[in-house]
Amino acid sequence: MTSGSTLVRLLNRTTRKLSLTEAGSDYYQRATQILAMVGEAETSVAQEASVPRGTLRVNTSVAFGARHMGRMITEYLQRYPGVEVDLTLNDRTVDLVEEGFDLAIRIAAQVDPGLVARRLTRARIVTCASPAYLERRGTPKSPKQLAEHNCLTYAYSSLQNDWHYRRKGVEQSVRVSGNLRGNNGDILVNAAVEGLGVILQPSFLVFEALRQKQLLRILPGWDSDELSVFAVYPHRKFLPPKVRSFIDFLAERFGPEPYWDAK
């Protein structure tokens, strides 16, 4: 080894073995200490980078967000105090990249192919009406009979006015109509509770009204299309800890059998 213009021998070499000189031993000890410090620094940086922190911008629908995201976000922030959540609720499909969102919670049968999606839990679709409405208009015995009822429809649904059902391999589709169409599920649920008509809505919106007998499920044995609750985000090679931890937290809290479907 050279130090400035001075040559320093680090090794003693014979035909049978190598050994460190005194300078070589000192050099080895110092180099070992430096490498240990570098390793500690790398570990510290990696641990710091893995801690969720910063502002997390989240988007979801008004009805789902108001009913289910408030408690979830509160619990998440208690677990990860280094994160700040900026939650936006609306019922249109936002452009995550253009509008600067880290992720969105969407309820759908499938998501846009340009996004990465993780399924968090299920969202059953149920048909229901109030006891007063059913007493006044009668209870449909088959999906086809819904054509004779006042059906309240959701504007953003892919189903629109065509409701689909299946039972034991038999499928039925019915074109429904009614005097209320809206782009917010809560408006439709409230109208149904007041006896206006029949709704086809996710169980996460109607579960409380069903438990309180304000609404009754109809068409037993007939299944509607099942949706899923997805966490979606733009494709990224390295997902920030704040995004990954939030998605993991929601998957843990919702679970495969969500509380809104509990008997």
Protein backbone atom coordinates (compact mmCIF):
# COMPACT_ATOMS: atom_id res chain seq x y z
CA MET A 1 0.00 0.00 0.00
CA THR A 2 1.17 3.56 -0.68
CA SER A 3 0.56 6.45 1.71
CA GLY A 4 1.51 9.69 -0.01
CA SER A 5 4.99 8.87 -1.34
CA THR A 6 5.69 6.24 1.35
CA LEU A 7 5.39 2.52 0.64
CA VAL A 8 4.05 0.45 3.54
CA ARG A 9 4.18 -3.34 3.66
CA LEU A 10 0.91 -4.87 4.84
CA LEU A 11 1.71 -8.57 4.36
CA ASN A 12 4.59 -10.87 5.12
CA ARG A 13 4.80 -13.54 2.43
CA THR A 14 6.74 -16.77 2.58
CA THR A 15 6.52 -19.83 0.40
CA ARG A 16 4.14 -21.44 2.91
CA LYS A 17 1.92 -18.68 4.30
CA LEU A 18 0.85 -15.08 4.45
CA SER A 19 0.71 -13.00 7.62
CA LEU A 20 -0.12 -9.41 8.46
CA THR A 21 2.57 -6.97 9.34
CA GLU A 22 1.95 -4.63 12.30
CA ALA A 23 0.87 -1.93 9.83
CA GLY A 24 -1.28 -4.44 8.01
CA SER A 25 -3.00 -5.48 11.23
CA ASP A 26 -3.68 -1.84 12.10
CA TYR A 27 -5.01 -1.21 8.58
CA TYR A 28 -7.29 -4.27 8.83
CA GLN A 29 -8.76 -3.16 12.16
CA ARG A 30 -9.46 0.34 10.90
CA ALA A 31 -10.98 -0.94 7.64
CA THR A 32 -13.20 -3.33 9.61
CA GLN A 33 -14.46 -0.46 11.76
CA ILE A 34 -15.20 1.66 8.68
CA LEU A 35 -17.11 -1.16 6.99
CA ALA A 36 -19.11 -1.73 10.18
CA MET A 37 -20.01 1.96 10.29
CA VAL A 38 -21.06 1.87 6.61
CA GLY A 39 -23.22 -1.17 7.33
CA GLU A 40 -24.87 0.54 10.28
CA ALA A 41 -25.52 3.64 8.17
CA GLU A 42 -27.09 1.58 5.38
CA THR A 43 -29.28 -0.26 7.89
CA SER A 44 -30.37 3.01 9.47
CA VAL A 45 -31.26 4.53 6.09
CA ALA A 46 -33.19 1.38 5.08
CA GLN A 47 -35.13 1.38 8.33
CA GLU A 48 -35.91 5.07 7.97
CA ALA A 49 -37.11 4.51 4.39
CA SER A 50 -39.40 1.67 5.50
CA VAL A 51 -41.26 3.81 8.05
CA PRO A 52 -44.58 5.15 6.66
CA ARG A 53 -44.52 8.93 6.62
CA GLY A 54 -45.66 11.89 4.57
CA THR A 55 -49.01 12.91 3.07
CA LEU A 56 -51.19 10.12 1.68
CA ARG A 57 -53.82 11.31 -0.81
CA VAL A 58 -56.79 8.93 -0.99
CA ASN A 59 -59.97 9.01 -3.08
CA THR A 60 -63.17 7.00 -2.77
CA SER A 61 -66.93 7.30 -3.27
CA VAL A 62 -69.02 9.53 -1.04
CA ALA A 63 -71.22 6.76 0.36
CA PHE A 64 -68.45 4.26 1.03
CA GLY A 65 -66.08 6.88 2.39
CA ALA A 66 -68.60 8.47 4.74
CA ARG A 67 -69.79 5.13 6.10
CA HIS A 68 -66.59 3.12 6.33
CA MET A 69 -63.37 5.08 5.78
CA GLY A 70 -63.54 7.52 8.71
CA ARG A 71 -62.98 4.92 11.41
CA MET A 72 -60.39 3.10 9.33
CA ILE A 73 -58.34 6.22 8.74
CA THR A 74 -58.49 7.19 12.42
CA GLU A 75 -57.17 3.78 13.47
CA TYR A 76 -54.50 3.86 10.77
CA LEU A 77 -53.22 7.28 11.86
CA GLN A 78 -53.07 6.11 15.46
CA ARG A 79 -50.86 3.23 14.33
CA TYR A 80 -48.73 5.35 11.96
CA PRO A 81 -48.47 8.89 13.41
CA GLY A 82 -45.88 9.90 10.80
CA VAL A 83 -48.52 9.88 8.05
CA GLU A 84 -51.03 12.59 7.18
CA VAL A 85 -54.12 11.51 5.18
CA ASP A 86 -55.80 13.79 2.65
CA LEU A 87 -59.15 12.10 1.85
CA THR A 88 -61.33 13.22 -1.07
CA LEU A 89 -64.85 11.83 -1.56
CA ASN A 90 -66.69 11.95 -4.87
CA ASP A 91 -68.69 9.60 -7.04
CA ARG A 92 -66.84 10.08 -10.30
CA THR A 93 -63.83 8.06 -11.42
CA VAL A 94 -60.78 10.26 -10.87
CA ASP A 95 -57.53 10.16 -12.83
CA LEU A 96 -55.08 9.17 -10.10
CA VAL A 97 -51.96 10.41 -11.88
CA GLU A 98 -53.38 13.63 -13.28
CA GLU A 99 -55.09 14.59 -10.02
CA GLY A 100 -52.21 13.55 -7.78
CA PHE A 101 -53.78 10.72 -5.74
CA ASP A 102 -51.64 7.99 -4.23
CA LEU A 103 -54.47 5.49 -4.35
CA ALA A 104 -58.23 5.10 -4.57
CA ILE A 105 -60.72 2.70 -3.01
CA ARG A 106 -63.11 1.55 -5.73
CA ILE A 107 -66.08 -0.78 -5.72
CA ALA A 108 -66.34 -2.55 -9.05
CA ALA A 109 -66.39 -5.87 -10.84
CA GLN A 110 -63.01 -5.04 -12.38
CA VAL A 111 -60.63 -2.12 -12.56
CA ASP A 112 -58.94 -0.21 -15.35
CA PRO A 113 -56.08 -2.22 -16.92
CA GLY A 114 -53.74 0.74 -16.56
CA LEU A 115 -53.85 0.54 -12.75
CA VAL A 116 -52.51 -1.87 -10.18
CA ALA A 117 -55.31 -3.30 -8.02
CA ARG A 118 -55.47 -5.28 -4.81
CA ARG A 119 -58.79 -6.81 -3.80
CA LEU A 120 -59.56 -5.90 -0.20
CA THR A 121 -62.89 -7.64 0.33
CA ARG A 122 -66.22 -8.39 -1.33
CA ALA A 123 -69.27 -6.21 -1.91
CA ARG A 124 -72.48 -8.18 -2.37
CA ILE A 125 -75.32 -6.57 -4.27
CA VAL A 126 -78.76 -7.02 -2.69
CA THR A 127 -82.31 -6.17 -3.71
CA CYS A 128 -84.49 -4.69 -1.00
CA ALA A 129 -87.45 -2.45 -0.19
CA SER A 130 -89.19 -1.16 2.91
CA PRO A 131 -91.95 -3.15 4.66
CA ALA A 132 -94.39 -0.32 3.89
CA TYR A 133 -93.63 -0.41 0.16
CA LEU A 134 -93.95 -4.20 -0.01
CA GLU A 135 -97.24 -4.10 1.88
CA ARG A 136 -98.56 -1.48 -0.51
CA ARG A 137 -97.24 -2.90 -3.80
CA GLY A 138 -96.68 -6.57 -3.03
CA THR A 139 -93.45 -8.60 -2.86
CA PRO A 140 -91.88 -9.66 -6.18
CA LYS A 141 -91.51 -13.43 -6.47
CA SER A 142 -89.17 -13.38 -9.46
CA PRO A 143 -86.84 -10.84 -11.09
CA LYS A 144 -89.23 -10.45 -14.03
CA GLN A 145 -91.85 -9.02 -11.68
CA LEU A 146 -89.56 -6.07 -10.90
CA ALA A 147 -90.71 -4.57 -14.19
CA GLU A 148 -94.02 -3.85 -12.44
CA HIS A 149 -92.36 -1.99 -9.54
CA ASN A 150 -90.91 1.45 -8.92
CA CYS A 151 -87.16 0.72 -9.03
CA LEU A 152 -84.68 3.36 -7.91
CA THR A 153 -81.56 3.26 -10.06
CA TYR A 154 -77.93 4.28 -9.60
CA ALA A 155 -76.59 6.52 -12.35
CA TYR A 156 -72.96 5.34 -12.24
CA SER A 157 -73.74 1.62 -12.23
CA SER A 158 -72.76 -0.42 -15.26
CA LEU A 159 -76.13 -2.14 -14.82
CA GLN A 160 -78.08 1.10 -15.32
CA ASN A 161 -81.72 -0.02 -15.81
CA ASP A 162 -80.92 -3.65 -16.63
CA TRP A 163 -80.76 -5.75 -13.46
CA HIS A 164 -79.29 -9.24 -13.75
CA TYR A 165 -79.97 -12.28 -11.57
CA ARG A 166 -79.08 -15.96 -11.52
CA ARG A 167 -80.25 -19.02 -9.59
CA LYS A 168 -79.08 -22.62 -10.02
CA GLY A 169 -77.66 -21.92 -13.45
CA VAL A 170 -80.71 -19.97 -14.61
CA GLU A 171 -80.19 -16.31 -15.50
CA GLN A 172 -82.81 -13.60 -15.72
CA SER A 173 -82.42 -9.98 -16.79
CA VAL A 174 -85.09 -7.38 -16.34
CA ARG A 175 -85.38 -3.82 -17.61
CA VAL A 176 -86.54 -1.74 -14.64
CA SER A 177 -87.85 1.80 -14.38
CA GLY A 178 -88.76 4.23 -11.65
CA ASN A 179 -89.18 7.85 -10.68
CA LEU A 180 -85.75 8.33 -9.06
CA ARG A 181 -82.31 7.98 -10.56
CA GLY A 182 -79.29 9.30 -8.69
CA ASN A 183 -75.50 9.21 -8.58
CA ASN A 184 -75.34 8.75 -4.80
CA GLY A 185 -76.23 5.49 -3.10
CA ASP A 186 -77.26 7.04 0.20
CA ILE A 187 -79.97 9.10 -1.54
CA LEU A 188 -81.43 5.92 -3.01
CA VAL A 189 -81.20 4.00 0.29
CA ASN A 190 -82.96 6.80 2.17
CA ALA A 191 -85.69 6.96 -0.47
CA ALA A 192 -86.20 3.18 -0.21
CA VAL A 193 -86.42 3.38 3.59
CA GLU A 194 -89.13 6.01 3.17
CA GLY A 195 -91.10 3.56 1.03
CA LEU A 196 -90.51 5.03 -2.43
CA GLY A 197 -89.42 1.86 -4.20
CA VAL A 198 -87.03 -1.06 -4.73
CA ILE A 199 -83.25 -0.67 -4.76
CA LEU A 200 -80.34 -2.82 -5.92
CA GLN A 201 -77.40 -1.68 -3.80
CA PRO A 202 -74.21 -3.01 -2.17
CA SER A 203 -74.65 -4.58 1.25
CA PHE A 204 -72.13 -2.12 2.73
CA LEU A 205 -74.73 0.61 2.13
CA VAL A 206 -77.89 -1.16 3.30
CA PHE A 207 -76.63 -3.44 6.09
CA GLU A 208 -77.72 -1.11 8.91
CA ALA A 209 -81.20 -0.59 7.45
CA LEU A 210 -81.53 -4.36 7.00
CA ARG A 211 -80.52 -5.06 10.60
CA GLN A 212 -83.00 -2.47 11.85
CA LYS A 213 -85.75 -3.95 9.62
CA GLN A 214 -86.13 -0.62 7.82
CA LEU A 215 -85.48 -2.56 4.63
CA LEU A 216 -86.19 -6.19 3.77
CA ARG A 217 -84.30 -8.33 1.28
CA ILE A 218 -86.44 -9.66 -1.52
CA LEU A 219 -85.97 -12.34 -4.19
CA PRO A 220 -84.36 -14.92 -1.85
CA GLY A 221 -82.24 -17.43 -3.74
CA TRP A 222 -81.61 -15.09 -6.65
CA ASP A 223 -78.03 -13.77 -6.76
CA SER A 224 -76.98 -10.49 -8.32
CA ASP A 225 -73.53 -9.64 -9.60
CA GLU A 226 -70.98 -9.49 -6.78
CA LEU A 227 -68.56 -6.58 -6.75
CA SER A 228 -65.25 -6.19 -4.96
CA VAL A 229 -63.65 -3.44 -2.92
CA PHE A 230 -60.29 -2.67 -4.54
CA ALA A 231 -57.35 -0.52 -3.58
CA VAL A 232 -55.99 0.83 -6.88
CA TYR A 233 -52.87 2.84 -7.55
CA PRO A 234 -50.67 3.81 -10.51
CA HIS A 235 -48.07 1.26 -11.51
CA ARG A 236 -44.89 1.85 -9.57
CA LYS A 237 -41.78 -0.27 -9.27
CA PHE A 238 -41.24 0.79 -5.67
CA LEU A 239 -44.44 1.32 -3.67
CA PRO A 240 -43.98 3.95 -0.92
CA PRO A 241 -44.33 2.60 2.65
CA LYS A 242 -47.26 4.94 3.34
CA VAL A 243 -49.23 3.39 0.44
CA ARG A 244 -48.27 -0.21 1.15
CA SER A 245 -49.01 0.07 4.86
CA PHE A 246 -52.41 1.66 4.24
CA ILE A 247 -53.45 -1.04 1.79
CA ASP A 248 -52.26 -3.79 4.16
CA PHE A 249 -54.15 -2.14 7.01
CA LEU A 250 -57.42 -1.98 5.08
CA ALA A 251 -57.11 -5.59 3.94
CA GLU A 252 -56.54 -6.63 7.54
CA ARG A 253 -59.46 -4.62 8.91
CA PHE A 254 -62.03 -5.47 6.24
CA GLY A 255 -61.06 -9.11 5.89
CA PRO A 256 -62.51 -11.64 3.42
CA GLU A 257 -65.80 -11.64 5.38
CA PRO A 258 -66.54 -7.93 5.87
CA TYR A 259 -68.46 -6.77 8.93
CA TRP A 260 -71.32 -5.44 6.79
CA ASP A 261 -72.13 -9.04 5.77
CA ALA A 262 -72.02 -10.41 9.32
CA LYS A 263 -75.21 -12.14 10.39
